[in-house]
N, C-alpha and C. Protein backbone atom coordinates (compact mmCIF):
# COMPACT_ATOMS: atom_id res chain seq x y z
N MET A 1 0.91 -1.17 -0.19
CA MET A 1 -0.03 -0.23 0.06
C MET A 1 0.89 1.30 -0.05
N GLU A 2 0.62 2.09 -0.81
CA GLU A 2 1.26 3.42 -0.71
C GLU A 2 1.17 4.17 0.35
N SER A 3 2.08 4.95 0.87
CA SER A 3 2.09 5.58 2.20
C SER A 3 1.10 6.99 2.14
N GLY A 4 0.91 7.40 1.29
CA GLY A 4 -0.31 8.47 1.33
C GLY A 4 -1.59 7.87 1.43
N PRO A 5 -2.17 7.03 0.71
CA PRO A 5 -3.52 6.54 0.81
C PRO A 5 -3.63 5.75 2.20
N ALA A 6 -2.42 5.02 2.70
CA ALA A 6 -2.48 4.31 3.97
C ALA A 6 -2.56 5.29 5.42
N ILE A 7 -1.76 6.40 5.07
CA ILE A 7 -1.97 7.52 6.06
C ILE A 7 -3.28 7.95 6.06
N PHE A 8 -3.84 8.42 5.03
CA PHE A 8 -5.32 8.75 5.17
C PHE A 8 -6.22 7.81 5.55
N ALA A 9 -6.26 6.71 5.00
CA ALA A 9 -7.10 5.64 5.64
C ALA A 9 -7.12 5.61 6.99
N GLY A 10 -5.75 5.21 7.41
CA GLY A 10 -5.62 5.18 8.91
C GLY A 10 -6.18 6.35 9.75
N ALA A 11 -5.98 7.57 9.45
CA ALA A 11 -6.37 8.57 10.00
C ALA A 11 -7.99 8.49 10.19
N VAL A 12 -8.58 8.15 8.95
CA VAL A 12 -9.95 8.33 8.84
C VAL A 12 -10.52 7.37 10.05
N PHE A 13 -10.00 6.01 9.78
CA PHE A 13 -10.50 5.00 10.70
C PHE A 13 -10.30 5.23 12.01
N ALA A 14 -9.02 5.83 12.41
CA ALA A 14 -8.87 6.01 13.90
C ALA A 14 -9.64 7.08 14.37
N LEU A 15 -9.80 8.36 13.63
CA LEU A 15 -10.61 9.39 14.27
C LEU A 15 -12.24 8.91 14.36
N PHE A 16 -12.45 8.06 13.38
CA PHE A 16 -14.00 7.56 13.49
C PHE A 16 -14.23 6.67 14.71
N GLY A 17 -13.16 5.62 14.83
CA GLY A 17 -13.12 4.85 15.77
C GLY A 17 -13.25 5.61 17.30
N ALA A 18 -12.24 6.33 17.37
CA ALA A 18 -12.20 7.31 18.64
C ALA A 18 -13.40 7.98 18.96
N GLY A 19 -13.94 8.73 17.77
CA GLY A 19 -15.11 9.61 18.03
C GLY A 19 -16.32 8.94 18.50
N LEU A 20 -16.48 7.45 17.94
CA LEU A 20 -17.54 6.69 18.07
C LEU A 20 -17.44 6.05 19.80
N ALA A 21 -16.10 5.78 19.98
CA ALA A 21 -16.04 5.40 21.36
C ALA A 21 -16.24 6.25 22.65
N VAL A 22 -15.81 7.60 22.03
CA VAL A 22 -16.05 8.70 23.11
C VAL A 22 -17.54 9.14 23.14
N TRP A 23 -18.38 9.15 21.98
CA TRP A 23 -19.67 9.35 22.07
C TRP A 23 -20.43 8.32 22.73
N THR A 24 -20.12 6.90 22.51
CA THR A 24 -20.62 5.81 22.91
C THR A 24 -20.53 6.02 24.59
N ALA A 25 -19.29 6.08 25.09
CA ALA A 25 -18.96 6.18 26.52
C ALA A 25 -19.81 7.52 27.21
N THR A 26 -19.89 8.56 26.54
CA THR A 26 -20.59 9.73 27.21
C THR A 26 -21.93 9.56 27.11
N ARG A 27 -22.60 8.96 26.08
CA ARG A 27 -24.07 8.53 26.35
C ARG A 27 -24.18 7.60 27.22
N LEU A 28 -23.76 6.60 27.44
CA LEU A 28 -23.84 5.74 28.53
C LEU A 28 -23.38 6.36 29.87
N ARG A 29 -22.58 7.09 30.16
CA ARG A 29 -22.24 7.85 31.49
C ARG A 29 -23.45 8.59 31.62
N GLN A 30 -24.25 9.41 30.66
CA GLN A 30 -25.28 10.14 30.96
C GLN A 30 -26.67 9.57 30.97
N GLY A 31 -26.54 8.41 30.98
CA GLY A 31 -27.61 7.39 31.10
C GLY A 31 -28.75 7.44 29.79
N LEU A 32 -28.07 8.09 28.59
CA LEU A 32 -29.04 8.27 27.56
C LEU A 32 -29.09 7.01 26.56
N PRO A 33 -29.88 6.72 25.80
CA PRO A 33 -29.66 5.61 24.71
C PRO A 33 -28.71 5.99 23.53
N VAL A 34 -28.10 4.73 23.43
CA VAL A 34 -27.23 5.18 22.49
C VAL A 34 -27.70 5.18 21.00
N ALA A 35 -28.65 4.31 21.05
CA ALA A 35 -29.69 4.28 19.75
C ALA A 35 -31.14 4.15 19.83
N HIS A 36 -31.89 4.89 19.47
CA HIS A 36 -33.47 4.99 19.78
C HIS A 36 -34.18 3.61 19.27
N GLY A 37 -34.86 3.08 20.09
CA GLY A 37 -35.74 2.07 19.84
C GLY A 37 -34.78 0.64 19.70
N VAL A 38 -33.69 0.65 20.42
CA VAL A 38 -33.12 -0.50 20.56
C VAL A 38 -32.52 -0.65 21.78
N ARG A 39 -32.57 -1.88 22.35
CA ARG A 39 -32.32 -2.35 23.79
C ARG A 39 -30.82 -1.65 24.18
N PRO A 40 -30.81 -0.88 25.09
CA PRO A 40 -29.49 -0.10 25.67
C PRO A 40 -28.29 -1.20 25.49
N ALA A 41 -28.21 -2.22 26.17
CA ALA A 41 -27.22 -3.11 26.15
C ALA A 41 -26.78 -3.80 24.77
N ALA A 42 -27.75 -3.95 23.97
CA ALA A 42 -27.41 -4.27 22.49
C ALA A 42 -26.81 -3.11 21.58
N SER A 43 -27.38 -2.07 21.92
CA SER A 43 -26.88 -0.75 21.08
C SER A 43 -25.22 -0.24 21.49
N ALA A 44 -25.34 -0.57 22.96
CA ALA A 44 -23.99 -0.14 23.50
C ALA A 44 -22.91 -1.20 22.90
N THR A 45 -23.22 -2.46 23.01
CA THR A 45 -22.13 -3.42 22.45
C THR A 45 -21.82 -3.20 20.84
N LEU A 46 -23.07 -3.16 20.17
CA LEU A 46 -22.86 -2.84 18.72
C LEU A 46 -21.70 -1.72 18.52
N ALA A 47 -22.04 -0.65 19.13
CA ALA A 47 -21.43 0.68 18.94
C ALA A 47 -20.02 0.32 19.28
N GLY A 48 -19.69 -0.46 20.44
CA GLY A 48 -18.34 -0.68 21.07
C GLY A 48 -17.66 -1.44 20.19
N VAL A 49 -18.30 -2.46 19.65
CA VAL A 49 -17.76 -3.44 18.78
C VAL A 49 -17.26 -2.52 17.23
N ALA A 50 -18.09 -1.63 16.75
CA ALA A 50 -17.88 -1.17 15.84
C ALA A 50 -16.48 -0.10 15.78
N ALA A 51 -16.50 0.59 16.97
CA ALA A 51 -15.58 1.57 17.52
C ALA A 51 -13.98 0.81 17.67
N LEU A 52 -14.06 -0.43 18.13
CA LEU A 52 -12.90 -1.11 18.18
C LEU A 52 -12.73 -1.83 16.83
N ALA A 53 -13.46 -2.07 15.94
CA ALA A 53 -13.12 -2.57 14.70
C ALA A 53 -12.68 -1.28 13.81
N ALA A 54 -13.01 -0.15 13.78
CA ALA A 54 -12.46 1.02 13.17
C ALA A 54 -11.19 1.35 13.73
N LEU A 55 -10.80 1.17 15.01
CA LEU A 55 -9.59 1.56 15.47
C LEU A 55 -8.56 0.38 15.19
N ALA A 56 -8.94 -0.89 15.15
CA ALA A 56 -8.10 -1.99 14.56
C ALA A 56 -7.73 -1.73 13.25
N ALA A 57 -8.74 -1.41 12.35
CA ALA A 57 -8.53 -1.09 10.98
C ALA A 57 -7.71 0.17 10.78
N GLY A 58 -7.73 1.03 11.71
CA GLY A 58 -6.78 2.13 11.43
C GLY A 58 -5.31 1.77 12.02
N ALA A 59 -5.11 1.03 12.84
CA ALA A 59 -4.00 0.60 13.23
C ALA A 59 -3.29 -0.30 12.29
N TRP A 60 -4.12 -1.13 11.65
CA TRP A 60 -3.71 -2.20 10.43
C TRP A 60 -3.15 -1.06 9.39
N CYS A 61 -3.71 -0.10 9.15
CA CYS A 61 -3.44 0.89 8.00
C CYS A 61 -1.90 1.44 8.30
N PHE A 62 -1.71 2.12 9.52
CA PHE A 62 -0.64 2.75 9.98
C PHE A 62 0.43 1.56 9.88
N LEU A 63 0.38 0.27 10.36
CA LEU A 63 1.24 -0.60 10.10
C LEU A 63 1.79 -1.15 8.71
N GLN A 64 1.07 -0.78 7.89
CA GLN A 64 1.34 -0.97 6.51
C GLN A 64 2.25 -0.14 5.90
N LEU A 65 2.63 0.81 6.56
CA LEU A 65 3.48 2.02 6.35
C LEU A 65 5.03 1.32 6.03
């Protein structure tokens, strides 16, 4: 992978994953739903898994440099 696209993709994945993790944690700390119309445990789990997957994809992109 060329370094320019790898850096861009890694940054996008890392920022999205970090933003989603912070947003999910903030919503849970305030006692607000993560997703409307879904059980709180299921929506928090799914959002947490998506955040970790995005952070892992960002790390993988940065490791390809």
